[in-house]
Amino acid sequence: ARVPGRVELVGDDPWGWKARWDQASDGWRAALEGV
């Protein structure tokens, strides 16, 4: 951003998919089918 404010990334579940981010201080992880 080129103006004052806070930019952040938010993890979510588009279309209500069941996978969720496991958010920890060292990074985020999630388990998908086979991935």
PDB file of all heavy atoms in Angstrom:
ATOM      1  N   ALA A   1       0.842  -1.195   0.000  1.00  0.00           N
ATOM      2  CA  ALA A   1       0.000   0.000   0.000  1.00  0.00           C
ATOM      3  C   ALA A   1       0.874   1.241   0.000  1.00  0.00           C
ATOM      4  O   ALA A   1       1.944   1.265   0.629  1.00  0.00           O
ATOM      5  CB  ALA A   1      -0.921  -0.008   1.214  1.00  0.00           C
ATOM      6  N   ARG A   2       0.409   2.276  -0.673  1.00  0.00           N
ATOM      7  CA  ARG A   2       1.147   3.535  -0.750  1.00  0.00           C
ATOM      8  C   ARG A   2       0.505   4.616   0.114  1.00  0.00           C
ATOM      9  O   ARG A   2       0.827   5.795  -0.020  1.00  0.00           O
ATOM     10  CB  ARG A   2       1.209   4.004  -2.203  1.00  0.00           C
ATOM     11  CG  ARG A   2       1.986   3.047  -3.106  1.00  0.00           C
ATOM     12  CD  ARG A   2       1.822   3.427  -4.576  1.00  0.00           C
ATOM     13  NE  ARG A   2       2.634   2.577  -5.443  1.00  0.00           N
ATOM     14  CZ  ARG A   2       2.547   2.569  -6.766  1.00  0.00           C
ATOM     15  NH1 ARG A   2       1.667   3.361  -7.378  1.00  0.00           N
ATOM     16  NH2 ARG A   2       3.323   1.776  -7.488  1.00  0.00           N
ATOM     17  N   VAL A   3      -0.410   4.214   0.971  1.00  0.00           N
ATOM     18  CA  VAL A   3      -1.060   5.130   1.913  1.00  0.00           C
ATOM     19  C   VAL A   3      -1.048   4.470   3.286  1.00  0.00           C
ATOM     20  O   VAL A   3      -0.895   3.248   3.397  1.00  0.00           O
ATOM     21  CB  VAL A   3      -2.507   5.440   1.479  1.00  0.00           C
ATOM     22  CG1 VAL A   3      -2.533   6.193   0.156  1.00  0.00           C
ATOM     23  CG2 VAL A   3      -3.331   4.163   1.380  1.00  0.00           C
ATOM     24  N   PRO A   4      -1.206   5.252   4.351  1.00  0.00           N
ATOM     25  CA  PRO A   4      -1.193   4.667   5.701  1.00  0.00           C
ATOM     26  C   PRO A   4      -2.318   3.658   5.886  1.00  0.00           C
ATOM     27  O   PRO A   4      -3.415   3.812   5.347  1.00  0.00           O
ATOM     28  CB  PRO A   4      -1.371   5.887   6.610  1.00  0.00           C
ATOM     29  CG  PRO A   4      -0.900   7.040   5.804  1.00  0.00           C
ATOM     30  CD  PRO A   4      -1.274   6.726   4.389  1.00  0.00           C
ATOM     31  N   GLY A   5      -2.032   2.636   6.651  1.00  0.00           N
ATOM     32  CA  GLY A   5      -3.012   1.599   6.943  1.00  0.00           C
ATOM     33  C   GLY A   5      -2.311   0.270   7.141  1.00  0.00           C
ATOM     34  O   GLY A   5      -1.075   0.183   7.086  1.00  0.00           O
ATOM     35  N   ARG A   6      -3.097  -0.775   7.367  1.00  0.00           N
ATOM     36  CA  ARG A   6      -2.530  -2.102   7.612  1.00  0.00           C
ATOM     37  C   ARG A   6      -3.006  -3.072   6.538  1.00  0.00           C
ATOM     38  O   ARG A   6      -4.206  -3.221   6.298  1.00  0.00           O
ATOM     39  CB  ARG A   6      -2.943  -2.614   8.987  1.00  0.00           C
ATOM     40  CG  ARG A   6      -2.246  -3.944   9.366  1.00  0.00           C
ATOM     41  CD  ARG A   6      -2.551  -4.374  10.781  1.00  0.00           C
ATOM     42  NE  ARG A   6      -3.904  -4.864  10.947  1.00  0.00           N
ATOM     43  CZ  ARG A   6      -4.887  -4.201  11.540  1.00  0.00           C
ATOM     44  NH1 ARG A   6      -4.658  -2.983  12.039  1.00  0.00           N
ATOM     45  NH2 ARG A   6      -6.103  -4.709  11.648  1.00  0.00           N
ATOM     46  N   VAL A   7      -2.052  -3.713   5.897  1.00  0.00           N
ATOM     47  CA  VAL A   7      -2.342  -4.739   4.897  1.00  0.00           C
ATOM     48  C   VAL A   7      -2.091  -6.098   5.528  1.00  0.00           C
ATOM     49  O   VAL A   7      -1.028  -6.328   6.113  1.00  0.00           O
ATOM     50  CB  VAL A   7      -1.445  -4.576   3.655  1.00  0.00           C
ATOM     51  CG1 VAL A   7      -1.778  -5.651   2.624  1.00  0.00           C
ATOM     52  CG2 VAL A   7      -1.609  -3.196   3.048  1.00  0.00           C
ATOM     53  N   GLU A   8      -3.056  -6.994   5.429  1.00  0.00           N
ATOM     54  CA  GLU A   8      -2.851  -8.329   5.995  1.00  0.00           C
ATOM     55  C   GLU A   8      -3.521  -9.379   5.119  1.00  0.00           C
ATOM     56  O   GLU A   8      -4.454  -9.097   4.370  1.00  0.00           O
ATOM     57  CB  GLU A   8      -3.391  -8.407   7.420  1.00  0.00           C
ATOM     58  CG  GLU A   8      -4.848  -8.067   7.571  1.00  0.00           C
ATOM     59  CD  GLU A   8      -5.272  -8.048   9.029  1.00  0.00           C
ATOM     60  OE1 GLU A   8      -4.746  -8.866   9.812  1.00  0.00           O
ATOM     61  OE2 GLU A   8      -6.111  -7.221   9.381  1.00  0.00           O
ATOM     62  N   LEU A   9      -3.005 -10.584   5.227  1.00  0.00           N
ATOM     63  CA  LEU A   9      -3.566 -11.727   4.520  1.00  0.00           C
ATOM     64  C   LEU A   9      -4.365 -12.578   5.487  1.00  0.00           C
ATOM     65  O   LEU A   9      -3.907 -12.860   6.604  1.00  0.00           O
ATOM     66  CB  LEU A   9      -2.459 -12.554   3.875  1.00  0.00           C
ATOM     67  CG  LEU A   9      -1.817 -11.916   2.643  1.00  0.00           C
ATOM     68  CD1 LEU A   9      -0.477 -12.565   2.338  1.00  0.00           C
ATOM     69  CD2 LEU A   9      -2.755 -12.024   1.444  1.00  0.00           C
ATOM     70  N   VAL A  10      -5.551 -12.976   5.048  1.00  0.00           N
ATOM     71  CA  VAL A  10      -6.458 -13.756   5.880  1.00  0.00           C
ATOM     72  C   VAL A  10      -6.704 -15.095   5.196  1.00  0.00           C
ATOM     73  O   VAL A  10      -6.974 -15.153   3.986  1.00  0.00           O
ATOM     74  CB  VAL A  10      -7.796 -13.012   6.073  1.00  0.00           C
ATOM     75  CG1 VAL A  10      -8.790 -13.873   6.830  1.00  0.00           C
ATOM     76  CG2 VAL A  10      -7.575 -11.692   6.785  1.00  0.00           C
ATOM     77  N   GLY A  11      -6.597 -16.168   5.935  1.00  0.00           N
ATOM     78  CA  GLY A  11      -6.906 -17.482   5.393  1.00  0.00           C
ATOM     79  C   GLY A  11      -8.386 -17.776   5.523  1.00  0.00           C
ATOM     80  O   GLY A  11      -9.022 -17.379   6.498  1.00  0.00           O
ATOM     81  N   ASP A  12      -8.965 -18.452   4.520  1.00  0.00           N
ATOM     82  CA  ASP A  12     -10.392 -18.759   4.602  1.00  0.00           C
ATOM     83  C   ASP A  12     -10.731 -19.991   3.773  1.00  0.00           C
ATOM     84  O   ASP A  12      -9.843 -20.655   3.223  1.00  0.00           O
ATOM     85  CB  ASP A  12     -11.241 -17.554   4.180  1.00  0.00           C
ATOM     86  CG  ASP A  12     -11.096 -17.218   2.696  1.00  0.00           C
ATOM     87  OD1 ASP A  12     -10.276 -17.866   2.019  1.00  0.00           O
ATOM     88  OD2 ASP A  12     -11.803 -16.321   2.221  1.00  0.00           O
ATOM     89  N   ASP A  13     -12.026 -20.294   3.702  1.00  0.00           N
ATOM     90  CA  ASP A  13     -12.529 -21.495   3.035  1.00  0.00           C
ATOM     91  C   ASP A  13     -13.536 -21.091   1.958  1.00  0.00           C
ATOM     92  O   ASP A  13     -14.735 -21.038   2.217  1.00  0.00           O
ATOM     93  CB  ASP A  13     -13.179 -22.441   4.043  1.00  0.00           C
ATOM     94  CG  ASP A  13     -14.241 -21.737   4.879  1.00  0.00           C
ATOM     95  OD1 ASP A  13     -14.132 -20.514   5.085  1.00  0.00           O
ATOM     96  OD2 ASP A  13     -15.203 -22.403   5.313  1.00  0.00           O
ATOM     97  N   PRO A  14     -13.077 -20.764   0.754  1.00  0.00           N
ATOM     98  CA  PRO A  14     -14.014 -20.370  -0.305  1.00  0.00           C
ATOM     99  C   PRO A  14     -15.072 -21.434  -0.550  1.00  0.00           C
ATOM    100  O   PRO A  14     -14.796 -22.630  -0.460  1.00  0.00           O
ATOM    101  CB  PRO A  14     -13.111 -20.191  -1.525  1.00  0.00           C
ATOM    102  CG  PRO A  14     -11.852 -20.931  -1.214  1.00  0.00           C
ATOM    103  CD  PRO A  14     -11.690 -20.859   0.271  1.00  0.00           C
ATOM    104  N   TRP A  15     -16.314 -20.964  -0.840  1.00  0.00           N
ATOM    105  CA  TRP A  15     -17.467 -21.836  -1.087  1.00  0.00           C
ATOM    106  C   TRP A  15     -17.756 -22.789   0.078  1.00  0.00           C
ATOM    107  O   TRP A  15     -18.408 -23.827  -0.098  1.00  0.00           O
ATOM    108  CB  TRP A  15     -17.270 -22.660  -2.365  1.00  0.00           C
ATOM    109  CG  TRP A  15     -17.072 -21.833  -3.592  1.00  0.00           C
ATOM    110  CD1 TRP A  15     -17.996 -21.041  -4.197  1.00  0.00           C
ATOM    111  CD2 TRP A  15     -15.868 -21.713  -4.356  1.00  0.00           C
ATOM    112  NE1 TRP A  15     -17.443 -20.438  -5.304  1.00  0.00           N
ATOM    113  CE2 TRP A  15     -16.135 -20.832  -5.426  1.00  0.00           C
ATOM    114  CE3 TRP A  15     -14.597 -22.269  -4.265  1.00  0.00           C
ATOM    115  CZ2 TRP A  15     -15.178 -20.492  -6.381  1.00  0.00           C
ATOM    116  CZ3 TRP A  15     -13.647 -21.920  -5.201  1.00  0.00           C
ATOM    117  CH2 TRP A  15     -13.938 -21.051  -6.250  1.00  0.00           C
ATOM    118  N   GLY A  16     -17.246 -22.465   1.279  1.00  0.00           N
ATOM    119  CA  GLY A  16     -17.503 -23.318   2.429  1.00  0.00           C
ATOM    120  C   GLY A  16     -16.765 -24.636   2.410  1.00  0.00           C
ATOM    121  O   GLY A  16     -17.171 -25.618   3.053  1.00  0.00           O
ATOM    122  N   TRP A  17     -15.649 -24.697   1.663  1.00  0.00           N
ATOM    123  CA  TRP A  17     -14.857 -25.928   1.656  1.00  0.00           C
ATOM    124  C   TRP A  17     -14.413 -26.287   3.068  1.00  0.00           C
ATOM    125  O   TRP A  17     -14.221 -25.417   3.931  1.00  0.00           O
ATOM    126  CB  TRP A  17     -13.641 -25.757   0.748  1.00  0.00           C
ATOM    127  CG  TRP A  17     -13.960 -25.894  -0.713  1.00  0.00           C
ATOM    128  CD1 TRP A  17     -15.099 -26.427  -1.256  1.00  0.00           C
ATOM    129  CD2 TRP A  17     -13.139 -25.497  -1.812  1.00  0.00           C
ATOM    130  NE1 TRP A  17     -15.020 -26.393  -2.633  1.00  0.00           N
ATOM    131  CE2 TRP A  17     -13.835 -25.831  -2.994  1.00  0.00           C
ATOM    132  CE3 TRP A  17     -11.886 -24.910  -1.907  1.00  0.00           C
ATOM    133  CZ2 TRP A  17     -13.318 -25.589  -4.265  1.00  0.00           C
ATOM    134  CZ3 TRP A  17     -11.361 -24.669  -3.177  1.00  0.00           C
ATOM    135  CH2 TRP A  17     -12.071 -25.008  -4.343  1.00  0.00           C
ATOM    136  N   LYS A  18     -14.186 -27.579   3.283  1.00  0.00           N
ATOM    137  CA  LYS A  18     -13.956 -28.062   4.643  1.00  0.00           C
ATOM    138  C   LYS A  18     -12.538 -27.836   5.159  1.00  0.00           C
ATOM    139  O   LYS A  18     -12.308 -27.833   6.378  1.00  0.00           O
ATOM    140  CB  LYS A  18     -14.288 -29.555   4.740  1.00  0.00           C
ATOM    141  CG  LYS A  18     -13.394 -30.441   3.870  1.00  0.00           C
ATOM    142  CD  LYS A  18     -13.811 -31.906   3.967  1.00  0.00           C
ATOM    143  CE  LYS A  18     -12.914 -32.802   3.122  1.00  0.00           C
ATOM    144  NZ  LYS A  18     -13.309 -34.225   3.214  1.00  0.00           N
ATOM    145  N   ALA A  19     -11.569 -27.672   4.272  1.00  0.00           N
ATOM    146  CA  ALA A  19     -10.182 -27.503   4.720  1.00  0.00           C
ATOM    147  C   ALA A  19     -10.017 -26.191   5.497  1.00  0.00           C
ATOM    148  O   ALA A  19     -10.663 -25.188   5.197  1.00  0.00           O
ATOM    149  CB  ALA A  19      -9.231 -27.536   3.535  1.00  0.00           C
ATOM    150  N   ARG A  20      -9.163 -26.197   6.498  1.00  0.00           N
ATOM    151  CA  ARG A  20      -8.881 -25.015   7.303  1.00  0.00           C
ATOM    152  C   ARG A  20      -7.369 -24.871   7.483  1.00  0.00           C
ATOM    153  O   ARG A  20      -6.636 -25.866   7.548  1.00  0.00           O
ATOM    154  CB  ARG A  20      -9.527 -25.118   8.687  1.00  0.00           C
ATOM    155  CG  ARG A  20     -11.038 -25.225   8.693  1.00  0.00           C
ATOM    156  CD  ARG A  20     -11.709 -23.933   8.245  1.00  0.00           C
ATOM    157  NE  ARG A  20     -13.153 -24.011   8.363  1.00  0.00           N
ATOM    158  CZ  ARG A  20     -13.962 -24.521   7.438  1.00  0.00           C
ATOM    159  NH1 ARG A  20     -13.448 -24.996   6.315  1.00  0.00           N
ATOM    160  NH2 ARG A  20     -15.267 -24.553   7.619  1.00  0.00           N
ATOM    161  N   TRP A  21      -6.913 -23.623   7.541  1.00  0.00           N
ATOM    162  CA  TRP A  21      -5.505 -23.373   7.835  1.00  0.00           C
ATOM    163  C   TRP A  21      -5.231 -23.626   9.318  1.00  0.00           C
ATOM    164  O   TRP A  21      -5.978 -23.162  10.180  1.00  0.00           O
ATOM    165  CB  TRP A  21      -5.137 -21.927   7.525  1.00  0.00           C
ATOM    166  CG  TRP A  21      -5.090 -21.568   6.070  1.00  0.00           C
ATOM    167  CD1 TRP A  21      -5.999 -20.827   5.382  1.00  0.00           C
ATOM    168  CD2 TRP A  21      -4.051 -21.906   5.139  1.00  0.00           C
ATOM    169  NE1 TRP A  21      -5.615 -20.681   4.070  1.00  0.00           N
ATOM    170  CE2 TRP A  21      -4.417 -21.335   3.894  1.00  0.00           C
ATOM    171  CE3 TRP A  21      -2.863 -22.628   5.225  1.00  0.00           C
ATOM    172  CZ2 TRP A  21      -3.632 -21.461   2.754  1.00  0.00           C
ATOM    173  CZ3 TRP A  21      -2.090 -22.760   4.078  1.00  0.00           C
ATOM    174  CH2 TRP A  21      -2.461 -22.185   2.869  1.00  0.00           C
ATOM    175  N   ASP A  22      -4.165 -24.333   9.594  1.00  0.00           N
ATOM    176  CA  ASP A  22      -3.639 -24.459  10.951  1.00  0.00           C
ATOM    177  C   ASP A  22      -2.584 -23.362  11.102  1.00  0.00           C
ATOM    178  O   ASP A  22      -1.475 -23.477  10.577  1.00  0.00           O
ATOM    179  CB  ASP A  22      -3.024 -25.841  11.147  1.00  0.00           C
ATOM    180  CG  ASP A  22      -2.387 -26.012  12.530  1.00  0.00           C
ATOM    181  OD1 ASP A  22      -2.660 -25.167  13.408  1.00  0.00           O
ATOM    182  OD2 ASP A  22      -1.616 -26.966  12.706  1.00  0.00           O
ATOM    183  N   GLN A  23      -2.948 -22.285  11.782  1.00  0.00           N
ATOM    184  CA  GLN A  23      -2.111 -21.095  11.821  1.00  0.00           C
ATOM    185  C   GLN A  23      -1.221 -21.117  13.065  1.00  0.00           C
ATOM    186  O   GLN A  23      -1.708 -21.124  14.192  1.00  0.00           O
ATOM    187  CB  GLN A  23      -2.969 -19.832  11.813  1.00  0.00           C
ATOM    188  CG  GLN A  23      -3.864 -19.747  10.577  1.00  0.00           C
ATOM    189  CD  GLN A  23      -4.672 -18.462  10.520  1.00  0.00           C
ATOM    190  OE1 GLN A  23      -4.367 -17.497  11.215  1.00  0.00           O
ATOM    191  NE2 GLN A  23      -5.710 -18.439   9.695  1.00  0.00           N
ATOM    192  N   ALA A  24       0.073 -21.164  12.827  1.00  0.00           N
ATOM    193  CA  ALA A  24       1.061 -21.162  13.911  1.00  0.00           C
ATOM    194  C   ALA A  24       2.059 -20.042  13.658  1.00  0.00           C
ATOM    195  O   ALA A  24       2.110 -19.450  12.581  1.00  0.00           O
ATOM    196  CB  ALA A  24       1.773 -22.514  13.974  1.00  0.00           C
ATOM    197  N   SER A  25       2.891 -19.767  14.646  1.00  0.00           N
ATOM    198  CA  SER A  25       3.837 -18.654  14.522  1.00  0.00           C
ATOM    199  C   SER A  25       4.880 -18.902  13.438  1.00  0.00           C
ATOM    200  O   SER A  25       5.416 -17.955  12.853  1.00  0.00           O
ATOM    201  CB  SER A  25       4.542 -18.417  15.864  1.00  0.00           C
ATOM    202  OG  SER A  25       5.215 -19.610  16.277  1.00  0.00           O
ATOM    203  N   ASP A  26       5.158 -20.161  13.142  1.00  0.00           N
ATOM    204  CA  ASP A  26       6.185 -20.448  12.139  1.00  0.00           C
ATOM    205  C   ASP A  26       5.611 -20.610  10.737  1.00  0.00           C
ATOM    206  O   ASP A  26       6.345 -20.900   9.792  1.00  0.00           O
ATOM    207  CB  ASP A  26       6.957 -21.715  12.532  1.00  0.00           C
ATOM    208  CG  ASP A  26       6.050 -22.935  12.627  1.00  0.00           C
ATOM    209  OD1 ASP A  26       4.821 -22.765  12.689  1.00  0.00           O
ATOM    210  OD2 ASP A  26       6.587 -24.055  12.648  1.00  0.00           O
ATOM    211  N   GLY A  27       4.276 -20.451  10.576  1.00  0.00           N
ATOM    212  CA  GLY A  27       3.661 -20.564   9.260  1.00  0.00           C
ATOM    213  C   GLY A  27       2.307 -21.243   9.337  1.00  0.00           C
ATOM    214  O   GLY A  27       1.877 -21.699  10.404  1.00  0.00           O
ATOM    215  N   TRP A  28       1.652 -21.293   8.211  1.00  0.00           N
ATOM    216  CA  TRP A  28       0.329 -21.927   8.138  1.00  0.00           C
ATOM    217  C   TRP A  28       0.435 -23.236   7.367  1.00  0.00           C
ATOM    218  O   TRP A  28       1.196 -23.364   6.415  1.00  0.00           O
ATOM    219  CB  TRP A  28      -0.653 -21.031   7.392  1.00  0.00           C
ATOM    220  CG  TRP A  28      -0.952 -19.720   8.058  1.00  0.00           C
ATOM    221  CD1 TRP A  28      -0.442 -19.242   9.235  1.00  0.00           C
ATOM    222  CD2 TRP A  28      -1.830 -18.712   7.554  1.00  0.00           C
ATOM    223  NE1 TRP A  28      -0.949 -18.009   9.496  1.00  0.00           N
ATOM    224  CE2 TRP A  28      -1.811 -17.646   8.485  1.00  0.00           C
ATOM    225  CE3 TRP A  28      -2.622 -18.585   6.426  1.00  0.00           C
ATOM    226  CZ2 TRP A  28      -2.558 -16.491   8.307  1.00  0.00           C
ATOM    227  CZ3 TRP A  28      -3.372 -17.453   6.239  1.00  0.00           C
ATOM    228  CH2 TRP A  28      -3.344 -16.414   7.166  1.00  0.00           C
ATOM    229  N   ARG A  29      -0.385 -24.198   7.783  1.00  0.00           N
ATOM    230  CA  ARG A  29      -0.435 -25.484   7.094  1.00  0.00           C
ATOM    231  C   ARG A  29      -1.888 -25.907   6.941  1.00  0.00           C
ATOM    232  O   ARG A  29      -2.743 -25.568   7.765  1.00  0.00           O
ATOM    233  CB  ARG A  29       0.330 -26.564   7.865  1.00  0.00           C
ATOM    234  CG  ARG A  29       1.822 -26.346   7.912  1.00  0.00           C
ATOM    235  CD  ARG A  29       2.539 -27.525   8.569  1.00  0.00           C
ATOM    236  NE  ARG A  29       2.174 -27.678   9.971  1.00  0.00           N
ATOM    237  CZ  ARG A  29       2.764 -27.046  10.981  1.00  0.00           C
ATOM    238  NH1 ARG A  29       3.765 -26.205  10.727  1.00  0.00           N
ATOM    239  NH2 ARG A  29       2.397 -27.244  12.222  1.00  0.00           N
ATOM    240  N   ALA A  30      -2.153 -26.685   5.887  1.00  0.00           N
ATOM    241  CA  ALA A  30      -3.490 -27.244   5.688  1.00  0.00           C
ATOM    242  C   ALA A  30      -3.353 -28.561   4.945  1.00  0.00           C
ATOM    243  O   ALA A  30      -2.409 -28.772   4.169  1.00  0.00           O
ATOM    244  CB  ALA A  30      -4.375 -26.284   4.909  1.00  0.00           C
ATOM    245  N   ALA A  31      -4.289 -29.454   5.205  1.00  0.00           N
ATOM    246  CA  ALA A  31      -4.294 -30.761   4.555  1.00  0.00           C
ATOM    247  C   ALA A  31      -5.439 -30.820   3.552  1.00  0.00           C
ATOM    248  O   ALA A  31      -6.607 -30.705   3.928  1.00  0.00           O
ATOM    249  CB  ALA A  31      -4.438 -31.868   5.595  1.00  0.00           C
ATOM    250  N   LEU A  32      -5.085 -30.973   2.265  1.00  0.00           N
ATOM    251  CA  LEU A  32      -6.071 -31.195   1.225  1.00  0.00           C
ATOM    252  C   LEU A  32      -6.026 -32.662   0.825  1.00  0.00           C
ATOM    253  O   LEU A  32      -5.214 -33.428   1.340  1.00  0.00           O
ATOM    254  CB  LEU A  32      -5.778 -30.282   0.023  1.00  0.00           C
ATOM    255  CG  LEU A  32      -5.624 -28.789   0.330  1.00  0.00           C
ATOM    256  CD1 LEU A  32      -5.341 -28.013  -0.947  1.00  0.00           C
ATOM    257  CD2 LEU A  32      -6.860 -28.246   1.030  1.00  0.00           C
ATOM    258  N   GLU A  33      -6.899 -33.061  -0.095  1.00  0.00           N
ATOM    259  CA  GLU A  33      -6.935 -34.460  -0.508  1.00  0.00           C
ATOM    260  C   GLU A  33      -5.652 -34.814  -1.243  1.00  0.00           C
ATOM    261  O   GLU A  33      -5.433 -34.403  -2.380  1.00  0.00           O
ATOM    262  CB  GLU A  33      -8.145 -34.696  -1.420  1.00  0.00           C
ATOM    263  CG  GLU A  33      -8.411 -36.155  -1.733  1.00  0.00           C
ATOM    264  CD  GLU A  33      -8.881 -36.934  -0.517  1.00  0.00           C
ATOM    265  OE1 GLU A  33      -9.574 -36.349   0.336  1.00  0.00           O
ATOM    266  OE2 GLU A  33      -8.536 -38.131  -0.438  1.00  0.00           O
ATOM    267  N   GLY A  34      -4.769 -35.551  -0.574  1.00  0.00           N
ATOM    268  CA  GLY A  34      -3.532 -35.990  -1.187  1.00  0.00           C
ATOM    269  C   GLY A  34      -2.455 -34.930  -1.285  1.00  0.00           C
ATOM    270  O   GLY A  34      -1.411 -35.163  -1.895  1.00  0.00           O
ATOM    271  N   VAL A  35      -2.691 -33.756  -0.703  1.00  0.00           N
ATOM    272  CA  VAL A  35      -1.749 -32.647  -0.833  1.00  0.00           C
ATOM    273  C   VAL A  35      -1.577 -31.951   0.505  1.00  0.00           C
ATOM    274  O   VAL A  35      -2.549 -31.704   1.217  1.00  0.00           O
ATOM    275  CB  VAL A  35      -2.231 -31.618  -1.882  1.00  0.00           C
ATOM    276  CG1 VAL A  35      -1.273 -30.442  -1.985  1.00  0.00           C
ATOM    277  CG2 VAL A  35      -2.396 -32.275  -3.242  1.00  0.00           C
TER     278      VAL A  35
END
